[in-house]
Amino acid sequence: MGFVFSSETMVGYAYVGLAVVCLITLFMILWIVFLRIRLYLGQQHQARFRAIWLPIFTETALSQNRHRKDVDISVLKRRDFFLFMNCWLDFQESLSGHALIRMNGLARQFKLHVYAQRLLQRGRMHQRLVAMVFLGDLRDRFSWPVLEELLSKENSLLSILAARALIKIDQERALPIVFAELVRRDDWPEARVAVLLRSVLTAELATSPLFDALLNSTDSGAIKLLHYVEHMYNEEKNRILRILLERSNSDRLTSRILKRIQCDHELDLVRQYVGHSRWHIRMQAVAALGRIGKREDISLLLERLGDGEWWVRYRAAQALIKMPGMTRPELQIIHDNLEDSFARTMLEQTLIEEGARQ
């Protein structure tokens, strides 16, 4: 049995539907107006807050006084704690020394470190990220266990900010665990990690933990850590590069190690790679000979001067010019006696380039 709708019923339903649409539209308009008003009031509140506190921050940083005498700072409303943290972070970013210590004292005066510790564990994601940066800049050692736990979280932004905070709090203690995490993870942005680490690495801090991390790493892990070997003391750097080169099973790692070798103690190893099957390894090997090679390596370079790969020939020619005691007349004799036209052309081109740079 079917249902029969009269025209009056259909019109009634249409009016009801239209009324519902109008109510929804009106609600959306009112909601947008509410959000705009709330945004405006929030911006005004932030402007007033900054107008009061930025002069206080300035005087705190520049003088021994904790605050201006004409401003009552005894009351900081809890609803403004998070705003205070953001303003504090923006202001103290360029400070150091006693100014930074005084700014830290101001934050601790209001127990902001306690508030940030609670946010770190129970706040929303944005609040946790700000709290993490805040506690790191505040050098809050009591936050270390939580930050170390967050370091291993799958969220890459959370973990990298945890690494930053740990390094800020205690560089010597943090570097071994940060290096270990860097080896473990594939999601940390390489450029961001480089900026973070290079801003704090010194030979005294980096040499021991980086040596241990490289010694115990896989080939893929060593590739990530090689960016930072320049911060090591030369003796340990040369020793770990030799160890890595001897055990490397990765052409990519081998190439990158050869690129960094500067010590002639590794000359015997470098010579073994001059005739390697991969052209980029041959290229790095002959380039290394240009840095640490001796007169007896001239024959190896002459072989590579006729290599089938242009870049290998070019690096071999450059290395040949850098050989100890090499003179322009001697190079000209070598050039004239070359039978390979590619080798002769490459050496001629390199000599012209070298002459233009002199």
Protein backbone atom coordinates (compact mmCIF):
# COMPACT_ATOMS: atom_id res chain seq x y z
CA MET A 1 0.00 0.00 0.00
CA GLY A 2 1.57 3.28 -1.04
CA PHE A 3 1.54 6.59 0.68
CA VAL A 4 -0.24 9.52 -0.85
CA PHE A 5 0.97 13.05 -0.07
CA SER A 6 -1.29 15.98 -0.69
CA SER A 7 0.04 19.21 -2.13
CA GLU A 8 -0.62 20.92 1.21
CA THR A 9 1.60 18.37 2.98
CA MET A 10 4.42 18.84 0.48
CA VAL A 11 4.25 22.62 0.88
CA GLY A 12 4.33 22.20 4.66
CA TYR A 13 7.48 20.07 4.45
CA ALA A 14 9.09 22.65 2.16
CA TYR A 15 8.41 25.43 4.66
CA VAL A 16 9.86 23.33 7.49
CA GLY A 17 12.98 22.61 5.43
CA LEU A 18 13.39 26.28 4.55
CA ALA A 19 13.04 27.22 8.21
CA VAL A 20 15.73 24.69 9.20
CA VAL A 21 18.11 26.04 6.53
CA CYS A 22 17.49 29.62 7.69
CA LEU A 23 18.15 28.65 11.31
CA ILE A 24 21.37 26.85 10.39
CA THR A 25 22.51 29.85 8.32
CA LEU A 26 21.68 32.24 11.15
CA PHE A 27 23.58 30.05 13.62
CA MET A 28 26.64 29.98 11.35
CA ILE A 29 26.58 33.77 10.95
CA LEU A 30 26.30 34.26 14.70
CA TRP A 31 29.10 31.75 15.29
CA ILE A 32 31.40 33.55 12.83
CA VAL A 33 30.58 36.88 14.49
CA PHE A 34 31.33 35.33 17.88
CA LEU A 35 34.68 33.98 16.69
CA ARG A 36 35.64 37.33 15.17
CA ILE A 37 34.75 39.15 18.38
CA ARG A 38 36.69 36.63 20.46
CA LEU A 39 39.69 36.95 18.16
CA TYR A 40 39.56 40.75 18.35
CA LEU A 41 39.26 40.74 22.14
CA GLY A 42 42.10 38.22 22.38
CA GLN A 43 44.36 40.39 20.22
CA GLN A 44 43.52 43.44 22.32
CA HIS A 45 44.28 41.54 25.51
CA GLN A 46 47.61 40.33 24.11
CA ALA A 47 48.52 43.89 23.06
CA ARG A 48 47.76 45.20 26.56
CA PHE A 49 49.68 42.32 28.13
CA ARG A 50 52.76 42.95 25.98
CA ALA A 51 52.59 46.69 26.62
CA ILE A 52 52.83 45.99 30.36
CA TRP A 53 55.35 43.14 30.36
CA LEU A 54 57.85 43.92 27.60
CA PRO A 55 59.20 46.97 29.49
CA ILE A 56 59.50 44.75 32.56
CA PHE A 57 61.37 42.12 30.55
CA THR A 58 63.70 44.82 29.21
CA GLU A 59 64.51 46.22 32.62
CA THR A 60 64.93 42.74 34.08
CA ALA A 61 67.41 41.81 31.36
CA LEU A 62 69.39 45.05 31.44
CA SER A 63 69.61 45.77 35.15
CA GLN A 64 69.99 44.05 38.49
CA ASN A 65 66.45 45.12 39.46
CA ARG A 66 63.80 42.45 39.09
CA HIS A 67 61.14 44.85 37.78
CA ARG A 68 60.16 48.46 37.37
CA LYS A 69 59.17 50.12 40.61
CA ASP A 70 56.04 51.72 39.14
CA VAL A 71 54.48 48.49 37.93
CA ASP A 72 52.85 45.96 40.21
CA ILE A 73 53.91 42.51 39.09
CA SER A 74 52.89 40.71 42.25
CA VAL A 75 49.79 39.32 40.55
CA LEU A 76 49.94 37.35 37.31
CA LYS A 77 46.59 35.79 36.51
CA ARG A 78 46.62 32.09 35.79
CA ARG A 79 44.80 32.62 32.49
CA ASP A 80 47.81 34.65 31.35
CA PHE A 81 50.45 32.05 32.24
CA PHE A 82 50.60 30.61 28.73
CA LEU A 83 50.69 34.09 27.18
CA PHE A 84 53.52 35.02 29.56
CA MET A 85 55.48 31.93 28.46
CA ASN A 86 55.16 32.85 24.78
CA CYS A 87 56.20 36.47 25.39
CA TRP A 88 59.08 35.31 27.57
CA LEU A 89 60.32 32.92 24.88
CA ASP A 90 60.17 35.60 22.17
CA PHE A 91 62.06 38.09 24.33
CA GLN A 92 64.84 35.94 25.75
CA GLU A 93 65.74 34.26 22.46
CA SER A 94 68.62 36.69 21.81
CA LEU A 95 69.83 36.95 25.43
CA SER A 96 72.80 35.30 27.09
CA GLY A 97 74.86 35.50 30.24
CA HIS A 98 73.51 37.40 33.25
CA ALA A 99 70.56 38.80 31.31
CA LEU A 100 69.35 35.27 30.60
CA ILE A 101 69.85 34.27 34.23
CA ARG A 102 67.74 37.22 35.40
CA MET A 103 65.00 36.36 32.89
CA ASN A 104 65.00 32.78 34.15
CA GLY A 105 64.68 34.10 37.69
CA LEU A 106 61.68 36.20 36.70
CA ALA A 107 59.93 33.16 35.21
CA ARG A 108 60.65 31.06 38.30
CA GLN A 109 59.40 33.87 40.53
CA PHE A 110 55.89 33.13 39.24
CA LYS A 111 56.33 29.33 39.37
CA LEU A 112 56.01 29.16 35.58
CA HIS A 113 58.29 26.09 35.54
CA VAL A 114 55.70 24.19 37.62
CA TYR A 115 52.90 25.24 35.27
CA ALA A 116 54.99 24.25 32.22
CA GLN A 117 55.78 20.84 33.74
CA ARG A 118 52.03 20.17 34.09
CA LEU A 119 51.40 21.27 30.51
CA LEU A 120 54.18 19.00 29.31
CA GLN A 121 52.35 15.96 30.65
CA ARG A 122 48.68 16.89 30.32
CA GLY A 123 48.38 19.81 27.93
CA ARG A 124 47.19 19.87 24.33
CA MET A 125 49.80 19.30 21.64
CA HIS A 126 50.48 23.00 21.01
CA GLN A 127 50.78 23.64 24.75
CA ARG A 128 53.15 20.70 25.19
CA LEU A 129 55.42 21.96 22.42
CA VAL A 130 55.61 25.46 23.92
CA ALA A 131 56.16 24.02 27.41
CA MET A 132 58.99 21.87 26.07
CA VAL A 133 60.80 24.83 24.52
CA PHE A 134 60.15 26.91 27.64
CA LEU A 135 61.55 24.31 30.05
CA GLY A 136 64.58 23.80 27.84
CA ASP A 137 65.36 27.52 27.72
CA LEU A 138 64.74 27.70 31.47
CA ARG A 139 67.35 24.91 31.97
CA ASP A 140 64.85 23.03 34.13
CA ARG A 141 66.62 19.83 35.24
CA PHE A 142 63.54 18.46 37.02
CA SER A 143 61.90 18.01 33.59
CA TRP A 144 64.67 15.71 32.34
CA PRO A 145 62.88 12.33 32.84
CA VAL A 146 59.75 13.45 30.97
CA LEU A 147 61.78 15.06 28.16
CA GLU A 148 63.90 11.94 27.77
CA GLU A 149 60.72 9.87 27.47
CA LEU A 150 59.32 12.27 24.84
CA LEU A 151 62.58 12.00 22.88
CA SER A 152 61.60 8.49 21.76
CA LYS A 153 58.02 9.36 20.79
CA GLU A 154 56.98 8.66 17.20
CA ASN A 155 55.87 12.25 16.65
CA SER A 156 58.99 13.72 15.03
CA LEU A 157 58.30 17.33 16.02
CA LEU A 158 57.74 16.31 19.63
CA SER A 159 60.93 14.26 19.72
CA ILE A 160 63.18 16.84 18.05
CA LEU A 161 61.98 19.59 20.40
CA ALA A 162 62.64 17.21 23.30
CA ALA A 163 66.18 16.78 21.96
CA ARG A 164 66.56 20.56 21.79
CA ALA A 165 65.36 20.97 25.37
CA LEU A 166 67.67 18.24 26.69
CA ILE A 167 70.67 19.82 24.95
CA LYS A 168 69.76 23.22 26.39
CA ILE A 169 69.54 21.76 29.90
CA ASP A 170 72.76 19.70 29.88
CA GLN A 171 74.73 19.38 26.64
CA GLU A 172 77.26 16.85 27.91
CA ARG A 173 74.60 14.52 29.29
CA ALA A 174 72.24 14.96 26.34
CA LEU A 175 74.55 14.42 23.37
CA PRO A 176 75.02 10.61 23.74
CA ILE A 177 71.27 9.95 23.87
CA VAL A 178 70.52 12.46 21.10
CA PHE A 179 73.15 10.85 18.84
CA ALA A 180 71.65 7.43 19.57
CA GLU A 181 68.17 8.70 18.70
CA LEU A 182 69.47 10.35 15.53
CA VAL A 183 70.84 6.99 14.38
CA ARG A 184 67.57 5.22 15.23
CA ARG A 185 65.18 7.62 13.51
CA ASP A 186 64.60 8.28 9.82
CA ASP A 187 62.02 11.04 10.29
CA TRP A 188 64.18 13.81 11.74
CA PRO A 189 64.73 16.60 9.18
CA GLU A 190 68.45 16.57 8.41
CA ALA A 191 68.79 20.34 8.07
CA ARG A 192 66.95 21.04 11.32
CA VAL A 193 69.04 18.54 13.27
CA ALA A 194 72.23 20.01 11.79
CA VAL A 195 71.28 23.51 12.94
CA LEU A 196 70.44 22.20 16.41
CA LEU A 197 73.64 20.21 16.89
CA ARG A 198 76.13 22.55 15.24
CA SER A 199 74.97 25.40 17.45
CA VAL A 200 76.25 23.56 20.54
CA LEU A 201 78.94 21.13 19.38
CA THR A 202 82.54 21.69 20.44
CA ALA A 203 85.45 19.28 20.21
CA GLU A 204 85.41 18.85 23.99
CA LEU A 205 81.72 17.97 24.08
CA ALA A 206 81.36 16.07 20.81
CA THR A 207 84.48 13.91 20.51
CA SER A 208 83.77 11.19 23.05
CA PRO A 209 80.01 10.61 22.51
CA LEU A 210 80.32 10.92 18.73
CA PHE A 211 83.25 8.49 18.61
CA ASP A 212 81.26 5.93 20.64
CA ALA A 213 78.11 6.45 18.56
CA LEU A 214 80.02 5.97 15.29
CA LEU A 215 81.89 2.95 16.63
CA ASN A 216 78.64 1.19 17.54
CA SER A 217 76.52 2.32 14.60
CA THR A 218 75.50 0.52 11.45
CA ASP A 219 76.58 1.86 8.06
CA SER A 220 73.33 3.77 7.67
CA GLY A 221 73.70 5.25 11.15
CA ALA A 222 77.30 6.25 10.46
CA ILE A 223 76.18 8.13 7.35
CA LYS A 224 73.89 10.30 9.51
CA LEU A 225 76.61 11.00 12.06
CA LEU A 226 79.42 11.74 9.60
CA HIS A 227 78.10 15.30 9.18
CA TYR A 228 79.43 16.12 12.63
CA VAL A 229 82.93 14.56 12.65
CA GLU A 230 84.46 17.95 11.84
CA HIS A 231 83.64 18.94 15.43
CA MET A 232 85.87 16.17 16.85
CA TYR A 233 89.50 16.44 17.87
CA ASN A 234 91.63 15.53 14.85
CA GLU A 235 93.27 12.45 16.36
CA GLU A 236 89.97 10.79 17.28
CA LYS A 237 88.36 11.90 14.03
CA ASN A 238 91.12 10.32 11.93
CA ARG A 239 91.00 7.13 13.99
CA ILE A 240 87.23 6.65 13.67
CA LEU A 241 87.30 7.42 9.93
CA ARG A 242 89.89 4.68 9.45
CA ILE A 243 87.83 2.21 11.51
CA LEU A 244 84.70 3.02 9.53
CA LEU A 245 86.48 2.79 6.19
CA GLU A 246 87.96 -0.61 7.03
CA ARG A 247 84.59 -2.09 8.00
CA SER A 248 82.31 -0.26 5.55
CA ASN A 249 79.97 -2.39 3.44
CA SER A 250 78.24 0.62 1.93
CA ASP A 251 79.49 2.41 -1.19
CA ARG A 252 77.70 5.55 -0.01
CA LEU A 253 79.44 5.46 3.37
CA THR A 254 82.82 4.69 1.78
CA SER A 255 82.48 7.65 -0.57
CA ARG A 256 81.59 10.02 2.27
CA ILE A 257 84.48 8.84 4.43
CA LEU A 258 86.98 9.29 1.59
CA LYS A 259 85.66 12.83 1.13
CA ARG A 260 86.58 13.65 4.75
CA ILE A 261 90.00 12.03 5.03
CA GLN A 262 92.75 14.57 5.68
CA CYS A 263 95.46 12.47 7.37
CA ASP A 264 98.22 10.62 5.48
CA HIS A 265 98.00 7.74 7.98
CA GLU A 266 95.06 6.55 5.89
CA LEU A 267 96.99 6.80 2.60
CA ASP A 268 97.37 3.04 2.26
CA LEU A 269 93.61 2.60 2.54
CA VAL A 270 92.83 5.41 0.12
CA ARG A 271 95.07 3.86 -2.55
CA GLN A 272 92.95 0.69 -2.46
CA TYR A 273 89.92 2.63 -3.72
CA VAL A 274 91.54 4.42 -6.65
CA GLY A 275 90.55 1.56 -8.98
CA HIS A 276 87.13 0.85 -7.43
CA SER A 277 84.28 -0.27 -9.70
CA ARG A 278 82.04 2.65 -8.63
CA TRP A 279 83.04 5.92 -10.26
CA HIS A 280 82.04 8.17 -7.36
CA ILE A 281 84.32 6.20 -5.03
CA ARG A 282 87.20 6.47 -7.53
CA MET A 283 86.52 10.22 -7.71
CA GLN A 284 86.68 10.67 -3.93
CA ALA A 285 89.78 8.48 -3.70
CA VAL A 286 91.78 10.52 -6.23
CA ALA A 287 90.55 13.74 -4.58
CA ALA A 288 91.87 12.39 -1.27
CA LEU A 289 95.23 11.68 -2.93
CA GLY A 290 95.30 15.35 -3.87
CA ARG A 291 95.13 16.18 -0.15
CA ILE A 292 97.39 13.51 1.38
CA GLY A 293 99.16 11.82 -1.56
CA LYS A 294 102.91 11.51 -2.17
CA ARG A 295 105.11 11.48 -5.26
CA GLU A 296 104.75 7.72 -5.63
CA ASP A 297 101.01 8.21 -6.20
CA ILE A 298 101.59 10.01 -9.51
CA SER A 299 101.34 6.74 -11.43
CA LEU A 300 97.93 6.00 -9.87
CA LEU A 301 96.70 9.45 -10.82
CA LEU A 302 97.93 9.08 -14.39
CA GLU A 303 95.87 5.89 -14.69
CA ARG A 304 92.75 7.72 -13.48
CA LEU A 305 93.51 10.62 -15.80
CA GLY A 306 92.33 8.32 -18.57
CA ASP A 307 89.25 7.12 -16.64
CA GLY A 308 86.00 6.64 -18.51
CA GLU A 309 84.18 9.02 -16.14
CA TRP A 310 84.69 12.75 -16.67
CA TRP A 311 84.56 13.65 -12.98
CA VAL A 312 87.23 11.07 -12.10
CA ARG A 313 89.54 12.47 -14.80
CA TYR A 314 88.93 16.00 -13.56
CA ARG A 315 89.71 15.17 -9.90
CA ALA A 316 92.76 13.16 -10.96
CA ALA A 317 94.11 16.15 -12.90
CA GLN A 318 93.52 18.44 -9.92
CA ALA A 319 95.22 15.96 -7.59
CA LEU A 320 98.18 15.64 -9.96
CA ILE A 321 98.78 19.38 -9.83
CA LYS A 322 98.77 19.24 -6.00
CA MET A 323 101.41 16.52 -5.72
CA PRO A 324 104.36 17.50 -3.48
CA GLY A 325 107.10 19.25 -5.45
CA MET A 326 105.10 19.26 -8.69
CA THR A 327 106.19 22.05 -11.03
CA ARG A 328 104.67 23.55 -14.16
CA PRO A 329 107.49 22.27 -16.45
CA GLU A 330 107.05 18.76 -15.04
CA LEU A 331 103.32 18.91 -15.68
CA GLN A 332 103.97 20.06 -19.21
CA ILE A 333 106.27 17.06 -19.80
CA ILE A 334 103.59 14.72 -18.39
CA HIS A 335 101.03 16.36 -20.67
CA ASP A 336 103.20 15.99 -23.78
CA ASN A 337 103.84 12.30 -23.09
CA LEU A 338 100.21 11.33 -22.54
CA GLU A 339 98.91 9.03 -25.27
CA ASP A 340 95.28 9.13 -24.20
CA SER A 341 93.61 12.14 -25.84
CA PHE A 342 90.97 12.40 -23.08
CA ALA A 343 93.69 12.45 -20.41
CA ARG A 344 95.72 15.02 -22.33
CA THR A 345 92.69 17.29 -22.85
CA MET A 346 91.69 17.06 -19.18
CA LEU A 347 95.15 17.91 -17.89
CA GLU A 348 95.38 20.81 -20.35
CA GLN A 349 92.01 22.15 -19.23
CA THR A 350 92.96 21.86 -15.56
CA LEU A 351 96.27 23.63 -16.12
CA ILE A 352 94.43 26.51 -17.79
CA GLU A 353 92.00 26.73 -14.85
CA GLU A 354 94.86 26.64 -12.37
CA GLY A 355 96.69 29.37 -14.24
CA ALA A 356 93.57 31.56 -14.26
CA ARG A 357 93.24 31.24 -10.47
CA GLN A 358 96.84 32.28 -9.83
